[in-house]
C-alpha cells in the first residue's frame, strides 16, 4: 500500500496540514439504490465541499464512485453504506474517476477492508523523466528560481501514476464502453479526459444519469497539461459538448449539488464551456502584445494581468499548476491553428502567430 511520511511531504503539508470537515449529508438515498454523502471542507485550497456516491443493493453488490480522502471526509460514508445495505466489503467494488487525492485517498482503507476490484481508466506509464521534460518544455528550467520546490510538486503529481501499482491486483483498467451492472442500473464507462489524463465517468443512458467526478465543475477554468502533445484542453471541451448533447436528467458532481433536469444540466455545462472563452481571448491579446513567448513567461504575464500580484509570491505547488494550465491553453491554440509552435535550442516550446 502507498505509505506517505506526512511530516516530511511538502505536497501533503501544503494541502492537508490544517484541513477539517463536517458531515452535511450522510447516505441520503437520492434515487433508488443511489446514496449521496456530502462534506463541508475547511482549509483545503481547491474546494470547500466533497460529495461521495455509491450504488448499493440490499444484501448484495455495492459500487463506490470514488472513495474520498480521510483528511477531507473520513470513512464514515464508506463504512455506512456497507452497513446500511447489510452487505459485506467483499461485495463492494470501486469506480475511480481519476487519480487525485480527494478521490483515491481512501483506496488503501477499502482494499484493506476487503474490496477486490478498483476500476480505473487508462493511465500512462510513469516516466521519472517526464517531470524534467515538462520543466524543459515550459521554461521552468530557464526561469524558475526555486526549482526544487516546483520539482517536488510536479513529481508528487506525476507519481500518482506510479502509486496505482502499490494497490496491487485490485486495480483493473476499464475501457470505454464497459458496462457495470448494479442496483438495476447499467452504467457505461465513458472517457472524459481533461481534469486528469485518465478521467472516466459513468453514464446510464436509458435513465439519463451521469456520475461526472470532476469533469463538470463550478470552478475557475483551467486544465492542467503535463504530457507533450496530449491536447488536454481540446479533448476536455469536446467531451463537455458531447455530454451536453445527451439530454441528461441527473448529473452527480464531486464538489457541487447534483444537477437535475435537462435544462439545468444543459445550462450548467454551457456556462462551464463559456468560462474558457475569456481566458483564451486574454491569452491571445497578450500574445499579440508580447510576440514570441514560452509557457512560463505567458503564465507569469497572464497571472499578473488578472490578479495584480507577483507570480513569484505563489508557492511552488501553485506556480507549477499555473504553468501546467498555461501549457494546456497554448497547445489548444496550436491545435486550433491559431498559433505556431517551435522549439528553442534549450528545449523550450516557443509560441508565435
Protein backbone atom coordinates (compact mmCIF):
# COMPACT_ATOMS: atom_id res chain seq x y z
CA UNK A 1 0.00 0.00 0.00
CA UNK A 2 1.03 3.59 -0.50
CA UNK A 3 2.83 4.94 2.54
CA UNK A 4 3.44 8.66 2.96
CA UNK A 5 5.56 10.44 5.55
CA UNK A 6 3.13 13.27 6.16
CA UNK A 7 5.53 15.27 8.30
CA UNK A 8 8.19 15.38 5.58
CA UNK A 9 6.00 15.63 2.49
CA UNK A 10 5.77 19.18 1.13
CA UNK A 11 2.78 18.30 -1.03
CA UNK A 12 0.82 16.84 1.88
CA UNK A 13 1.58 19.65 4.30
CA UNK A 14 0.69 22.39 1.82
CA UNK A 15 -2.71 20.85 1.06
CA UNK A 16 -3.89 18.91 4.10
CA UNK A 17 -1.88 20.14 7.06
CA UNK A 18 -4.81 22.04 8.63
CA UNK A 19 -7.91 20.63 6.92
CA UNK A 20 -11.14 19.84 8.75
CA UNK A 21 -14.54 18.57 7.60
CA UNK A 22 -18.16 18.42 8.71
CA UNK A 23 -20.76 15.93 7.52
CA UNK A 24 -23.54 17.88 5.79
CA UNK A 25 -25.41 14.93 4.26
CA UNK A 26 -24.90 11.26 5.00
CA UNK A 27 -26.20 8.33 2.94
CA UNK A 28 -29.22 10.11 1.51
CA UNK A 29 -30.96 7.82 -0.99
CA UNK A 30 -31.18 10.26 -3.87
CA UNK A 31 -32.65 7.72 -6.31
CA UNK A 32 -33.38 4.03 -5.74
CA UNK A 33 -30.13 2.41 -4.54
CA UNK A 34 -28.08 5.60 -5.20
CA UNK A 35 -26.68 7.06 -1.98
CA UNK A 36 -25.20 10.55 -1.62
CA UNK A 37 -22.99 11.87 1.19
CA UNK A 38 -21.67 15.44 1.30
CA UNK A 39 -18.99 17.05 3.45
CA UNK A 40 -18.12 20.66 4.13
CA UNK A 41 -14.34 21.02 3.96
CA UNK A 42 -12.29 23.75 5.63
CA UNK A 43 -8.73 24.88 4.84
CA UNK A 44 -8.42 22.89 1.62
CA UNK A 45 -7.09 25.01 -1.20
CA UNK A 46 -9.15 23.61 -4.06
CA UNK A 47 -12.71 23.16 -2.81
CA UNK A 48 -14.96 23.74 0.18
CA UNK A 49 -17.04 20.58 -0.26
CA UNK A 50 -16.68 16.94 -1.23
CA UNK A 51 -19.52 14.70 -2.41
CA UNK A 52 -19.35 10.89 -2.42
CA UNK A 53 -21.74 8.48 -4.13
CA UNK A 54 -22.42 4.78 -4.03
CA UNK A 55 -24.89 2.40 -5.63
CA UNK A 56 -25.88 -0.40 -3.28
CA UNK A 57 -28.16 -3.42 -3.49
CA UNK A 58 -29.73 -4.72 -0.28
CA UNK A 59 -27.53 -7.60 0.92
CA UNK A 60 -25.81 -7.51 -2.46
CA UNK A 61 -23.40 -5.65 -4.69
CA UNK A 62 -22.03 -2.18 -3.88
CA UNK A 63 -20.28 0.20 -6.25
CA UNK A 64 -18.43 3.18 -4.76
CA UNK A 65 -17.89 6.07 -7.16
CA UNK A 66 -14.60 7.40 -5.76
CA UNK A 67 -13.71 6.99 -2.09
CA UNK A 68 -12.59 10.43 -0.87
CA UNK A 69 -9.69 11.10 1.45
CA UNK A 70 -9.58 10.70 5.22
CA UNK A 71 -8.49 14.30 5.84
CA UNK A 72 -11.46 15.61 3.80
CA UNK A 73 -14.32 13.22 4.61
CA UNK A 74 -13.16 10.42 6.90
CA UNK A 75 -14.50 6.95 6.16
CA UNK A 76 -17.98 7.18 7.67
CA UNK A 77 -19.76 7.24 4.28
CA UNK A 78 -17.83 4.17 3.12
CA UNK A 79 -18.46 2.15 6.27
CA UNK A 80 -22.04 3.40 6.43
CA UNK A 81 -23.19 2.18 3.04
CA UNK A 82 -21.88 -1.34 3.67
CA UNK A 83 -23.72 -1.43 6.98
CA UNK A 84 -26.87 0.18 5.58
CA UNK A 85 -27.03 -2.32 2.72
CA UNK A 86 -26.44 -5.18 5.15
CA UNK A 87 -23.77 -6.37 2.77
CA UNK A 88 -20.05 -7.08 3.01
CA UNK A 89 -16.86 -5.41 1.79
CA UNK A 90 -16.20 -8.43 -0.41
CA UNK A 91 -19.35 -7.47 -2.38
CA UNK A 92 -18.04 -3.94 -2.98
CA UNK A 93 -16.19 -2.53 -5.98
CA UNK A 94 -14.80 0.96 -6.64
CA UNK A 95 -15.07 3.01 -9.81
CA UNK A 96 -12.29 5.59 -9.62
CA UNK A 97 -12.91 8.63 -11.81
CA UNK A 98 -9.27 9.74 -11.60
CA UNK A 99 -6.07 9.69 -9.57
CA UNK A 100 -6.39 12.81 -7.44
CA UNK A 101 -6.01 12.59 -3.68
CA UNK A 102 -9.57 13.67 -2.83
CA UNK A 103 -10.89 10.81 -4.98
CA UNK A 104 -8.47 7.95 -4.35
CA UNK A 105 -7.10 8.84 -0.92
CA UNK A 106 -9.08 6.14 0.91
CA UNK A 107 -8.25 3.31 -1.52
CA UNK A 108 -5.86 1.64 0.92
CA UNK A 109 -8.61 1.68 3.53
CA UNK A 110 -11.27 0.00 1.37
CA UNK A 111 -8.83 -2.55 -0.06
CA UNK A 112 -7.73 -3.47 3.46
CA UNK A 113 -11.42 -3.88 4.32
CA UNK A 114 -11.90 -6.42 1.53
CA UNK A 115 -12.54 -4.64 -1.79
CA UNK A 116 -11.02 -6.75 -4.56
CA UNK A 117 -11.78 -4.62 -7.65
CA UNK A 118 -10.98 -0.97 -8.32
CA UNK A 119 -11.89 0.16 -11.83
CA UNK A 120 -9.56 2.82 -13.27
CA UNK A 121 -9.25 4.41 -16.72
CA UNK A 122 -6.14 4.11 -18.88
CA UNK A 123 -3.16 5.73 -17.17
CA UNK A 124 0.14 6.50 -18.95
CA UNK A 125 3.16 4.63 -17.70
CA UNK A 126 5.06 6.52 -15.03
CA UNK A 127 8.18 8.06 -16.52
CA UNK A 128 10.58 9.55 -13.96
CA UNK A 129 11.99 11.79 -16.68
CA UNK A 130 8.64 13.30 -17.60
CA UNK A 131 8.87 15.97 -14.90
CA UNK A 132 12.21 17.18 -16.27
CA UNK A 133 10.83 17.18 -19.82
CA UNK A 134 7.86 19.23 -18.63
CA UNK A 135 10.19 21.70 -16.91
CA UNK A 136 12.32 21.99 -20.05
CA UNK A 137 9.41 22.44 -22.46
CA UNK A 138 7.64 25.03 -20.33
CA UNK A 139 10.69 27.09 -19.37
CA UNK A 140 10.83 26.11 -15.69
CA UNK A 141 14.48 25.15 -16.10
CA UNK A 142 15.31 28.54 -17.58
CA UNK A 143 13.38 30.88 -15.28
CA UNK A 144 12.38 29.18 -12.04
CA UNK A 145 14.32 30.44 -9.02
CA UNK A 146 13.23 27.62 -6.69
CA UNK A 147 13.45 24.57 -8.90
CA UNK A 148 13.45 22.09 -6.03
CA UNK A 149 10.14 23.34 -4.65
CA UNK A 150 8.46 23.19 -8.06
CA UNK A 151 10.04 19.83 -8.88
CA UNK A 152 8.65 18.34 -5.66
CA UNK A 153 5.17 19.48 -6.59
CA UNK A 154 5.46 18.13 -10.15
CA UNK A 155 6.93 14.82 -9.02
CA UNK A 156 4.22 14.28 -6.41
CA UNK A 157 1.58 14.88 -9.05
CA UNK A 158 3.19 12.62 -11.63
CA UNK A 159 3.92 9.82 -9.16
CA UNK A 160 0.19 9.32 -8.72
CA UNK A 161 0.56 7.27 -11.91
CA UNK A 162 3.10 5.05 -10.20
CA UNK A 163 1.11 4.85 -6.96
CA UNK A 164 -1.60 2.79 -8.66
CA UNK A 165 0.79 -0.18 -8.68
CA UNK A 166 1.03 -0.01 -4.90
CA UNK A 167 -2.63 -1.06 -4.68
CA UNK A 168 -1.74 -4.42 -6.16
CA UNK A 169 -4.07 -6.64 -8.20
CA UNK A 170 -7.18 -4.77 -7.06
CA UNK A 171 -6.57 -2.18 -9.81
CA UNK A 172 -8.38 -3.20 -13.01
CA UNK A 173 -8.19 -0.99 -16.09
CA UNK A 174 -11.59 -0.26 -17.55
CA UNK A 175 -12.07 0.62 -21.19
CA UNK A 176 -14.72 2.98 -22.56
CA UNK A 177 -17.91 1.07 -23.27
CA UNK A 178 -17.55 -1.41 -20.40
CA UNK A 179 -20.87 -1.70 -18.55
CA UNK A 180 -21.13 -2.12 -14.78
CA UNK A 181 -24.46 -3.54 -13.63
CA UNK A 182 -25.60 -2.71 -10.10
CA UNK A 183 -28.85 -1.79 -8.37
CA UNK A 184 -30.91 -2.19 -11.54
CA UNK A 185 -28.71 0.28 -13.45
CA UNK A 186 -26.41 -0.29 -16.41
CA UNK A 187 -23.55 2.17 -16.05
CA UNK A 188 -21.30 2.59 -19.08
CA UNK A 189 -17.75 3.79 -18.57
CA UNK A 190 -17.02 6.76 -20.84
CA UNK A 191 -13.72 8.54 -21.37
CA UNK A 192 -13.78 12.15 -20.14
CA UNK A 193 -10.15 13.36 -20.21
CA UNK A 194 -9.19 16.88 -19.21
CA UNK A 195 -9.29 17.40 -15.47
CA UNK A 196 -6.97 14.40 -15.43
CA UNK A 197 -5.47 12.37 -18.25
CA UNK A 198 -7.23 9.19 -17.10
CA UNK A 199 -10.57 10.74 -16.06
CA UNK A 200 -13.59 8.48 -16.64
CA UNK A 201 -17.29 8.95 -15.92
CA UNK A 202 -20.26 6.60 -15.58
CA UNK A 203 -23.26 7.01 -17.85
CA UNK A 204 -26.69 5.39 -17.52
CA UNK A 205 -28.07 6.16 -20.97
CA UNK A 206 -31.63 4.91 -20.53
CA UNK A 207 -32.20 6.75 -17.26
CA UNK A 208 -30.18 9.84 -18.20
CA UNK A 209 -27.80 9.68 -15.22
CA UNK A 210 -24.11 10.63 -15.19
CA UNK A 211 -21.54 10.34 -12.42
CA UNK A 212 -19.18 13.06 -13.63
CA UNK A 213 -16.45 13.16 -10.97
CA UNK A 214 -14.51 16.38 -11.56
CA UNK A 215 -15.21 16.58 -15.28
CA UNK A 216 -18.03 19.07 -14.64
CA UNK A 217 -17.15 21.76 -12.11
CA UNK A 218 -18.34 25.13 -10.90
CA UNK A 219 -14.81 26.46 -10.73
CA UNK A 220 -12.36 28.79 -12.41
CA UNK A 221 -11.42 27.49 -15.86
CA UNK A 222 -8.14 25.68 -16.25
CA UNK A 223 -6.97 22.25 -17.42
CA UNK A 224 -3.52 21.08 -16.37
CA UNK A 225 -1.32 19.50 -19.05
CA UNK A 226 1.88 17.60 -18.35
CA UNK A 227 2.19 15.23 -21.31
CA UNK A 228 3.62 16.61 -24.51
CA UNK A 229 1.09 16.81 -27.37
CA UNK A 230 -1.73 15.40 -25.22
CA UNK A 231 -4.10 18.29 -26.10
CA UNK A 232 -5.90 18.06 -22.78
CA UNK A 233 -7.97 21.23 -23.16
CA UNK A 234 -9.20 20.33 -26.65
CA UNK A 235 -10.25 16.84 -25.52
CA UNK A 236 -11.91 18.28 -22.41
CA UNK A 237 -14.03 20.83 -24.28
CA UNK A 238 -15.05 18.27 -26.91
CA UNK A 239 -16.09 15.86 -24.16
CA UNK A 240 -18.19 18.53 -22.43
CA UNK A 241 -20.01 19.24 -25.69
CA UNK A 242 -20.70 15.53 -26.11
CA UNK A 243 -22.12 15.24 -22.60
CA UNK A 244 -24.27 18.30 -23.14
CA UNK A 245 -25.78 16.62 -26.20
CA UNK A 246 -27.01 13.61 -24.18
CA UNK A 247 -30.06 15.38 -22.67
CA UNK A 248 -29.30 14.04 -19.20
CA UNK A 249 -31.77 14.13 -16.32
CA UNK A 250 -29.31 13.92 -13.41
CA UNK A 251 -25.61 14.66 -13.14
CA UNK A 252 -23.80 13.82 -9.90
CA UNK A 253 -20.76 16.03 -9.26
CA UNK A 254 -17.95 15.58 -6.75
CA UNK A 255 -17.89 19.18 -5.49
CA UNK A 256 -21.39 20.52 -6.12
CA UNK A 257 -25.05 19.76 -5.65
CA UNK A 258 -26.42 17.31 -8.24
CA UNK A 259 -27.73 18.87 -11.43
CA UNK A 260 -31.36 17.98 -12.06
CA UNK A 261 -33.42 18.28 -15.21
CA UNK A 262 -32.26 18.65 -18.79
CA UNK A 263 -32.38 22.45 -18.72
CA UNK A 264 -30.21 22.77 -15.60
CA UNK A 265 -27.71 20.26 -16.95
CA UNK A 266 -27.51 21.99 -20.33
CA UNK A 267 -27.18 25.47 -18.82
CA UNK A 268 -24.55 24.43 -16.28
CA UNK A 269 -22.34 22.79 -18.91
CA UNK A 270 -22.85 25.73 -21.27
CA UNK A 271 -21.69 28.08 -18.51
CA UNK A 272 -18.60 25.94 -17.99
CA UNK A 273 -17.80 25.94 -21.69
CA UNK A 274 -18.22 29.71 -21.90
CA UNK A 275 -15.87 30.23 -18.96
CA UNK A 276 -12.99 29.27 -21.26
CA UNK A 277 -13.74 31.96 -23.83
CA UNK A 278 -12.35 34.90 -21.87
CA UNK A 279 -9.03 33.27 -20.85
CA UNK A 280 -8.41 32.26 -24.46
CA UNK A 281 -9.16 35.79 -25.64
CA UNK A 282 -6.91 37.32 -22.96
CA UNK A 283 -4.02 35.00 -23.77
CA UNK A 284 -4.41 35.78 -27.46
CA UNK A 285 -4.34 39.51 -26.71
CA UNK A 286 -1.25 39.17 -24.50
CA UNK A 287 0.48 37.15 -27.21
CA UNK A 288 -0.18 39.88 -29.74
CA UNK A 289 1.48 42.34 -27.36
CA UNK A 290 4.38 40.07 -26.44
CA UNK A 291 5.24 38.37 -29.68
CA UNK A 292 7.03 35.02 -29.49
CA UNK A 293 6.92 33.60 -25.96
CA UNK A 294 7.15 30.41 -23.91
CA UNK A 295 4.81 28.78 -21.40
CA UNK A 296 6.47 30.10 -18.26
CA UNK A 297 6.63 33.70 -19.47
CA UNK A 298 2.98 33.67 -20.55
CA UNK A 299 1.89 32.05 -17.25
CA UNK A 300 3.59 34.91 -15.37
CA UNK A 301 2.11 37.57 -17.64
CA UNK A 302 -1.41 36.08 -17.54
CA UNK A 303 -1.42 35.67 -13.75
CA UNK A 304 -0.11 39.16 -13.02
CA UNK A 305 -2.50 40.67 -15.58
CA UNK A 306 -5.50 39.05 -13.87
CA UNK A 307 -4.51 39.30 -10.22
CA UNK A 308 -2.23 42.32 -9.97
CA UNK A 309 0.12 40.25 -7.82
CA UNK A 310 3.58 38.87 -8.42
CA UNK A 311 3.75 35.35 -9.77
CA UNK A 312 6.87 34.62 -7.74
CA UNK A 313 4.92 35.13 -4.49
CA UNK A 314 2.92 31.95 -5.17
CA UNK A 315 4.25 28.78 -3.56
CA UNK A 316 5.80 26.08 -5.72
CA UNK A 317 2.64 23.99 -5.88
CA UNK A 318 0.57 26.88 -7.23
CA UNK A 319 3.28 28.07 -9.63
CA UNK A 320 3.51 24.69 -11.27
CA UNK A 321 -0.29 24.46 -11.52
CA UNK A 322 -0.45 27.83 -13.28
CA UNK A 323 2.31 26.75 -15.65
CA UNK A 324 0.66 23.41 -16.47
CA UNK A 325 -2.65 25.19 -17.14
CA UNK A 326 -0.97 27.69 -19.46
CA UNK A 327 0.70 24.76 -21.26
CA UNK A 328 -2.80 23.43 -21.97
CA UNK A 329 -4.10 26.79 -23.23
CA UNK A 330 -1.20 27.41 -25.58
CA UNK A 331 -1.29 23.93 -27.08
CA UNK A 332 -5.06 24.32 -27.51
CA UNK A 333 -4.43 27.43 -29.60
CA UNK A 334 -1.86 25.48 -31.61
CA UNK A 335 -4.37 22.66 -32.21
CA UNK A 336 -6.92 25.27 -33.32
CA UNK A 337 -4.28 26.52 -35.79
CA UNK A 338 -4.26 29.96 -34.17
CA UNK A 339 -0.64 29.68 -33.06
CA UNK A 340 2.59 28.24 -34.36
CA UNK A 341 4.84 26.24 -32.02
CA UNK A 342 8.59 25.83 -32.44
CA UNK A 343 11.41 24.58 -30.22
CA UNK A 344 14.19 26.77 -28.82
CA UNK A 345 17.79 25.46 -28.65
CA UNK A 346 17.35 24.84 -24.91
CA UNK A 347 14.22 22.70 -25.49
CA UNK A 348 11.55 25.27 -24.61
CA UNK A 349 8.41 25.37 -26.70
CA UNK A 350 8.02 28.80 -28.30
CA UNK A 351 4.64 30.09 -29.41
CA UNK A 352 4.00 32.78 -32.01
CA UNK A 353 1.40 33.97 -34.50
